[in-house]
Amino acid sequence: MSDSKVIVAVRVRPMNRREIELNTKCVVDMEENQTVLQPPPSNSKGENRYKIKKQKKNYKAGLA
């Protein structure tokens, strides 16, 4: 087994006016050097739904 590390960068933008008016809850808390993900609130059907707007994967050649 190889010793490998995964580095994840998280950038949280401020909520826009519409999100504030809808009383949207932020699911990402930044605490010093830690990022804490909270479970998203459920809708009326008890489902958790969220959208991933942009996803980018970078692979380095030679890593398996």
PDB file of N, CA and C in Angstrom:
ATOM      1  N   MET A   1       0.847  -1.169   0.000  1.00  0.00           N
ATOM      2  CA  MET A   1       0.000   0.000   0.000  1.00  0.00           C
ATOM      3  C   MET A   1       0.895   1.235   0.000  1.00  0.00           C
ATOM      4  N   SER A   2       0.582   2.209  -0.818  1.00  0.00           N
ATOM      5  CA  SER A   2       1.403   3.415  -0.894  1.00  0.00           C
ATOM      6  C   SER A   2       0.881   4.476   0.068  1.00  0.00           C
ATOM      7  N   ASP A   3       1.791   5.319   0.490  1.00  0.00           N
ATOM      8  CA  ASP A   3       1.395   6.461   1.315  1.00  0.00           C
ATOM      9  C   ASP A   3       1.023   7.594   0.371  1.00  0.00           C
ATOM     10  N   SER A   4      -0.242   7.887   0.272  1.00  0.00           N
ATOM     11  CA  SER A   4      -0.679   8.969  -0.597  1.00  0.00           C
ATOM     12  C   SER A   4      -1.552   9.922   0.197  1.00  0.00           C
ATOM     13  N   LYS A   5      -1.604  11.133  -0.264  1.00  0.00           N
ATOM     14  CA  LYS A   5      -2.389  12.167   0.400  1.00  0.00           C
ATOM     15  C   LYS A   5      -3.383  12.751  -0.591  1.00  0.00           C
ATOM     16  N   VAL A   6      -4.507  13.139  -0.073  1.00  0.00           N
ATOM     17  CA  VAL A   6      -5.506  13.838  -0.869  1.00  0.00           C
ATOM     18  C   VAL A   6      -5.630  15.239  -0.294  1.00  0.00           C
ATOM     19  N   ILE A   7      -5.466  16.226  -1.125  1.00  0.00           N
ATOM     20  CA  ILE A   7      -5.612  17.610  -0.699  1.00  0.00           C
ATOM     21  C   ILE A   7      -6.866  18.163  -1.354  1.00  0.00           C
ATOM     22  N   VAL A   8      -7.734  18.718  -0.548  1.00  0.00           N
ATOM     23  CA  VAL A   8      -8.995  19.270  -1.043  1.00  0.00           C
ATOM     24  C   VAL A   8      -9.026  20.754  -0.726  1.00  0.00           C
ATOM     25  N   ALA A   9      -9.318  21.565  -1.733  1.00  0.00           N
ATOM     26  CA  ALA A   9      -9.463  23.008  -1.528  1.00  0.00           C
ATOM     27  C   ALA A   9     -10.948  23.346  -1.543  1.00  0.00           C
ATOM     28  N   VAL A  10     -11.377  24.116  -0.560  1.00  0.00           N
ATOM     29  CA  VAL A  10     -12.786  24.507  -0.466  1.00  0.00           C
ATOM     30  C   VAL A  10     -12.854  26.022  -0.444  1.00  0.00           C
ATOM     31  N   ARG A  11     -13.698  26.564  -1.299  1.00  0.00           N
ATOM     32  CA  ARG A  11     -13.918  28.007  -1.314  1.00  0.00           C
ATOM     33  C   ARG A  11     -15.407  28.247  -1.137  1.00  0.00           C
ATOM     34  N   VAL A  12     -15.772  28.997  -0.130  1.00  0.00           N
ATOM     35  CA  VAL A  12     -17.180  29.266   0.158  1.00  0.00           C
ATOM     36  C   VAL A  12     -17.447  30.734  -0.138  1.00  0.00           C
ATOM     37  N   ARG A  13     -18.396  30.985  -1.010  1.00  0.00           N
ATOM     38  CA  ARG A  13     -18.746  32.363  -1.353  1.00  0.00           C
ATOM     39  C   ARG A  13     -19.834  32.864  -0.411  1.00  0.00           C
ATOM     40  N   PRO A  14     -19.955  34.168  -0.252  1.00  0.00           N
ATOM     41  CA  PRO A  14     -21.052  34.701   0.557  1.00  0.00           C
ATOM     42  C   PRO A  14     -22.394  34.401  -0.120  1.00  0.00           C
ATOM     43  N   MET A  15     -23.433  34.275   0.676  1.00  0.00           N
ATOM     44  CA  MET A  15     -24.755  34.018   0.103  1.00  0.00           C
ATOM     45  C   MET A  15     -25.242  35.257  -0.635  1.00  0.00           C
ATOM     46  N   ASN A  16     -25.961  35.025  -1.736  1.00  0.00           N
ATOM     47  CA  ASN A  16     -26.516  36.147  -2.477  1.00  0.00           C
ATOM     48  C   ASN A  16     -27.855  36.568  -1.860  1.00  0.00           C
ATOM     49  N   ARG A  17     -28.410  37.650  -2.359  1.00  0.00           N
ATOM     50  CA  ARG A  17     -29.643  38.204  -1.796  1.00  0.00           C
ATOM     51  C   ARG A  17     -30.787  37.196  -1.812  1.00  0.00           C
ATOM     52  N   ARG A  18     -30.933  36.462  -2.899  1.00  0.00           N
ATOM     53  CA  ARG A  18     -32.022  35.479  -3.005  1.00  0.00           C
ATOM     54  C   ARG A  18     -31.875  34.378  -1.951  1.00  0.00           C
ATOM     55  N   GLU A  19     -30.665  33.884  -1.774  1.00  0.00           N
ATOM     56  CA  GLU A  19     -30.423  32.846  -0.770  1.00  0.00           C
ATOM     57  C   GLU A  19     -30.727  33.355   0.638  1.00  0.00           C
ATOM     58  N   ILE A  20     -30.372  34.598   0.904  1.00  0.00           N
ATOM     59  CA  ILE A  20     -30.666  35.188   2.212  1.00  0.00           C
ATOM     60  C   ILE A  20     -32.170  35.332   2.404  1.00  0.00           C
ATOM     61  N   GLU A  21     -32.870  35.827   1.368  1.00  0.00           N
ATOM     62  CA  GLU A  21     -34.326  35.998   1.453  1.00  0.00           C
ATOM     63  C   GLU A  21     -35.045  34.668   1.647  1.00  0.00           C
ATOM     64  N   LEU A  22     -34.515  33.590   1.076  1.00  0.00           N
ATOM     65  CA  LEU A  22     -35.121  32.262   1.221  1.00  0.00           C
ATOM     66  C   LEU A  22     -34.695  31.577   2.518  1.00  0.00           C
ATOM     67  N   ASN A  23     -33.890  32.282   3.331  1.00  0.00           N
ATOM     68  CA  ASN A  23     -33.405  31.734   4.603  1.00  0.00           C
ATOM     69  C   ASN A  23     -32.625  30.433   4.392  1.00  0.00           C
ATOM     70  N   THR A  24     -31.822  30.423   3.331  1.00  0.00           N
ATOM     71  CA  THR A  24     -31.010  29.261   2.992  1.00  0.00           C
ATOM     72  C   THR A  24     -29.951  29.035   4.065  1.00  0.00           C
ATOM     73  N   LYS A  25     -29.731  27.785   4.409  1.00  0.00           N
ATOM     74  CA  LYS A  25     -28.726  27.441   5.415  1.00  0.00           C
ATOM     75  C   LYS A  25     -27.424  27.046   4.722  1.00  0.00           C
ATOM     76  N   CYS A  26     -26.328  27.575   5.207  1.00  0.00           N
ATOM     77  CA  CYS A  26     -25.017  27.205   4.690  1.00  0.00           C
ATOM     78  C   CYS A  26     -24.615  25.867   5.303  1.00  0.00           C
ATOM     79  N   VAL A  27     -24.128  24.953   4.492  1.00  0.00           N
ATOM     80  CA  VAL A  27     -23.760  23.623   4.990  1.00  0.00           C
ATOM     81  C   VAL A  27     -22.255  23.476   5.190  1.00  0.00           C
ATOM     82  N   VAL A  28     -21.514  24.554   4.982  1.00  0.00           N
ATOM     83  CA  VAL A  28     -20.061  24.516   5.145  1.00  0.00           C
ATOM     84  C   VAL A  28     -19.661  25.507   6.233  1.00  0.00           C
ATOM     85  N   ASP A  29     -18.991  25.017   7.259  1.00  0.00           N
ATOM     86  CA  ASP A  29     -18.467  25.866   8.325  1.00  0.00           C
ATOM     87  C   ASP A  29     -16.948  25.829   8.257  1.00  0.00           C
ATOM     88  N   MET A  30     -16.336  26.996   8.323  1.00  0.00           N
ATOM     89  CA  MET A  30     -14.887  27.090   8.342  1.00  0.00           C
ATOM     90  C   MET A  30     -14.476  27.414   9.771  1.00  0.00           C
ATOM     91  N   GLU A  31     -13.741  26.509  10.399  1.00  0.00           N
ATOM     92  CA  GLU A  31     -13.286  26.688  11.774  1.00  0.00           C
ATOM     93  C   GLU A  31     -11.766  26.581  11.798  1.00  0.00           C
ATOM     94  N   GLU A  32     -11.111  27.726  11.899  1.00  0.00           N
ATOM     95  CA  GLU A  32      -9.655  27.821  11.871  1.00  0.00           C
ATOM     96  C   GLU A  32      -9.103  27.068  10.663  1.00  0.00           C
ATOM     97  N   ASN A  33      -8.405  25.957  10.873  1.00  0.00           N
ATOM     98  CA  ASN A  33      -7.833  25.230   9.736  1.00  0.00           C
ATOM     99  C   ASN A  33      -8.657  24.006   9.363  1.00  0.00           C
ATOM    100  N   GLN A  34      -9.912  23.950   9.789  1.00  0.00           N
ATOM    101  CA  GLN A  34     -10.783  22.815   9.472  1.00  0.00           C
ATOM    102  C   GLN A  34     -12.013  23.283   8.708  1.00  0.00           C
ATOM    103  N   THR A  35     -12.481  22.443   7.814  1.00  0.00           N
ATOM    104  CA  THR A  35     -13.727  22.672   7.100  1.00  0.00           C
ATOM    105  C   THR A  35     -14.708  21.610   7.548  1.00  0.00           C
ATOM    106  N   VAL A  36     -15.859  22.040   8.034  1.00  0.00           N
ATOM    107  CA  VAL A  36     -16.865  21.116   8.551  1.00  0.00           C
ATOM    108  C   VAL A  36     -18.086  21.172   7.644  1.00  0.00           C
ATOM    109  N   LEU A  37     -18.490  20.011   7.116  1.00  0.00           N
ATOM    110  CA  LEU A  37     -19.689  19.928   6.283  1.00  0.00           C
ATOM    111  C   LEU A  37     -20.860  19.468   7.136  1.00  0.00           C
ATOM    112  N   GLN A  38     -21.912  20.265   7.139  1.00  0.00           N
ATOM    113  CA  GLN A  38     -23.128  19.921   7.864  1.00  0.00           C
ATOM    114  C   GLN A  38     -24.077  19.209   6.905  1.00  0.00           C
ATOM    115  N   PRO A  39     -24.917  18.307   7.398  1.00  0.00           N
ATOM    116  CA  PRO A  39     -25.884  17.671   6.501  1.00  0.00           C
ATOM    117  C   PRO A  39     -26.868  18.717   5.975  1.00  0.00           C
ATOM    118  N   PRO A  40     -27.180  18.665   4.671  1.00  0.00           N
ATOM    119  CA  PRO A  40     -28.128  19.639   4.126  1.00  0.00           C
ATOM    120  C   PRO A  40     -29.519  19.416   4.711  1.00  0.00           C
ATOM    121  N   PRO A  41     -30.307  20.490   4.858  1.00  0.00           N
ATOM    122  CA  PRO A  41     -31.665  20.327   5.379  1.00  0.00           C
ATOM    123  C   PRO A  41     -32.522  19.511   4.416  1.00  0.00           C
ATOM    124  N   SER A  42     -33.478  18.782   4.953  1.00  0.00           N
ATOM    125  CA  SER A  42     -34.377  17.963   4.137  1.00  0.00           C
ATOM    126  C   SER A  42     -35.499  18.822   3.580  1.00  0.00           C
ATOM    127  N   ASN A  43     -36.029  18.418   2.417  1.00  0.00           N
ATOM    128  CA  ASN A  43     -37.208  19.090   1.887  1.00  0.00           C
ATOM    129  C   ASN A  43     -38.457  18.466   2.508  1.00  0.00           C
ATOM    130  N   SER A  44     -39.627  18.845   2.044  1.00  0.00           N
ATOM    131  CA  SER A  44     -40.872  18.346   2.640  1.00  0.00           C
ATOM    132  C   SER A  44     -41.034  16.834   2.484  1.00  0.00           C
ATOM    133  N   LYS A  45     -40.314  16.224   1.534  1.00  0.00           N
ATOM    134  CA  LYS A  45     -40.389  14.773   1.325  1.00  0.00           C
ATOM    135  C   LYS A  45     -39.318  14.036   2.134  1.00  0.00           C
ATOM    136  N   GLY A  46     -38.526  14.774   2.876  1.00  0.00           N
ATOM    137  CA  GLY A  46     -37.467  14.151   3.660  1.00  0.00           C
ATOM    138  C   GLY A  46     -36.222  13.839   2.852  1.00  0.00           C
ATOM    139  N   GLU A  47     -36.126  14.395   1.636  1.00  0.00           N
ATOM    140  CA  GLU A  47     -34.976  14.133   0.775  1.00  0.00           C
ATOM    141  C   GLU A  47     -33.948  15.248   0.936  1.00  0.00           C
ATOM    142  N   ASN A  48     -32.702  14.887   0.825  1.00  0.00           N
ATOM    143  CA  ASN A  48     -31.623  15.869   0.791  1.00  0.00           C
ATOM    144  C   ASN A  48     -31.197  16.021  -0.661  1.00  0.00           C
ATOM    145  N   ARG A  49     -31.282  17.238  -1.179  1.00  0.00           N
ATOM    146  CA  ARG A  49     -30.895  17.480  -2.571  1.00  0.00           C
ATOM    147  C   ARG A  49     -29.964  18.672  -2.643  1.00  0.00           C
ATOM    148  N   TYR A  50     -28.971  18.553  -3.485  1.00  0.00           N
ATOM    149  CA  TYR A  50     -28.065  19.656  -3.725  1.00  0.00           C
ATOM    150  C   TYR A  50     -27.473  19.479  -5.114  1.00  0.00           C
ATOM    151  N   LYS A  51     -26.967  20.551  -5.667  1.00  0.00           N
ATOM    152  CA  LYS A  51     -26.383  20.518  -7.004  1.00  0.00           C
ATOM    153  C   LYS A  51     -24.896  20.797  -6.915  1.00  0.00           C
ATOM    154  N   ILE A  52     -24.145  20.080  -7.707  1.00  0.00           N
ATOM    155  CA  ILE A  52     -22.729  20.377  -7.871  1.00  0.00           C
ATOM    156  C   ILE A  52     -22.628  21.148  -9.176  1.00  0.00           C
ATOM    157  N   LYS A  53     -22.271  22.415  -9.081  1.00  0.00           N
ATOM    158  CA  LYS A  53     -22.245  23.255 -10.270  1.00  0.00           C
ATOM    159  C   LYS A  53     -20.999  23.027 -11.115  1.00  0.00           C
ATOM    160  N   LYS A  54     -19.876  22.845 -10.459  1.00  0.00           N
ATOM    161  CA  LYS A  54     -18.639  22.725 -11.208  1.00  0.00           C
ATOM    162  C   LYS A  54     -17.738  21.721 -10.516  1.00  0.00           C
ATOM    163  N   GLN A  55     -17.208  20.837 -11.287  1.00  0.00           N
ATOM    164  CA  GLN A  55     -16.351  19.803 -10.727  1.00  0.00           C
ATOM    165  C   GLN A  55     -15.128  19.684 -11.620  1.00  0.00           C
ATOM    166  N   LYS A  56     -13.986  19.649 -11.030  1.00  0.00           N
ATOM    167  CA  LYS A  56     -12.759  19.571 -11.810  1.00  0.00           C
ATOM    168  C   LYS A  56     -11.861  18.512 -11.202  1.00  0.00           C
ATOM    169  N   LYS A  57     -11.387  17.607 -12.040  1.00  0.00           N
ATOM    170  CA  LYS A  57     -10.483  16.560 -11.578  1.00  0.00           C
ATOM    171  C   LYS A  57      -9.139  16.747 -12.257  1.00  0.00           C
ATOM    172  N   ASN A  58      -8.112  16.659 -11.482  1.00  0.00           N
ATOM    173  CA  ASN A  58      -6.754  16.722 -12.018  1.00  0.00           C
ATOM    174  C   ASN A  58      -6.048  15.421 -11.683  1.00  0.00           C
ATOM    175  N   TYR A  59      -5.537  14.772 -12.690  1.00  0.00           N
ATOM    176  CA  TYR A  59      -4.802  13.531 -12.478  1.00  0.00           C
ATOM    177  C   TYR A  59      -3.367  13.735 -12.933  1.00  0.00           C
ATOM    178  N   LYS A  60      -2.438  13.253 -12.144  1.00  0.00           N
ATOM    179  CA  LYS A  60      -1.033  13.317 -12.537  1.00  0.00           C
ATOM    180  C   LYS A  60      -0.649  11.994 -13.177  1.00  0.00           C
ATOM    181  N   ALA A  61       0.083  12.065 -14.249  1.00  0.00           N
ATOM    182  CA  ALA A  61       0.517  10.856 -14.954  1.00  0.00           C
ATOM    183  C   ALA A  61       1.409  10.016 -14.049  1.00  0.00           C
ATOM    184  N   GLY A  62       1.230   8.724 -14.110  1.00  0.00           N
ATOM    185  CA  GLY A  62       2.080   7.820 -13.364  1.00  0.00           C
ATOM    186  C   GLY A  62       1.552   7.447 -11.996  1.00  0.00           C
ATOM    187  N   LEU A  63       0.467   8.053 -11.555  1.00  0.00           N
ATOM    188  CA  LEU A  63      -0.116   7.692 -10.263  1.00  0.00           C
ATOM    189  C   LEU A  63      -1.199   6.654 -10.463  1.00  0.00           C
ATOM    190  N   ALA A  64      -1.210   5.668  -9.622  1.00  0.00           N
ATOM    191  CA  ALA A  64      -2.237   4.629  -9.735  1.00  0.00           C
ATOM    192  C   ALA A  64      -2.951   4.478  -8.423  1.00  0.00           C
TER     193      ALA A  64
END
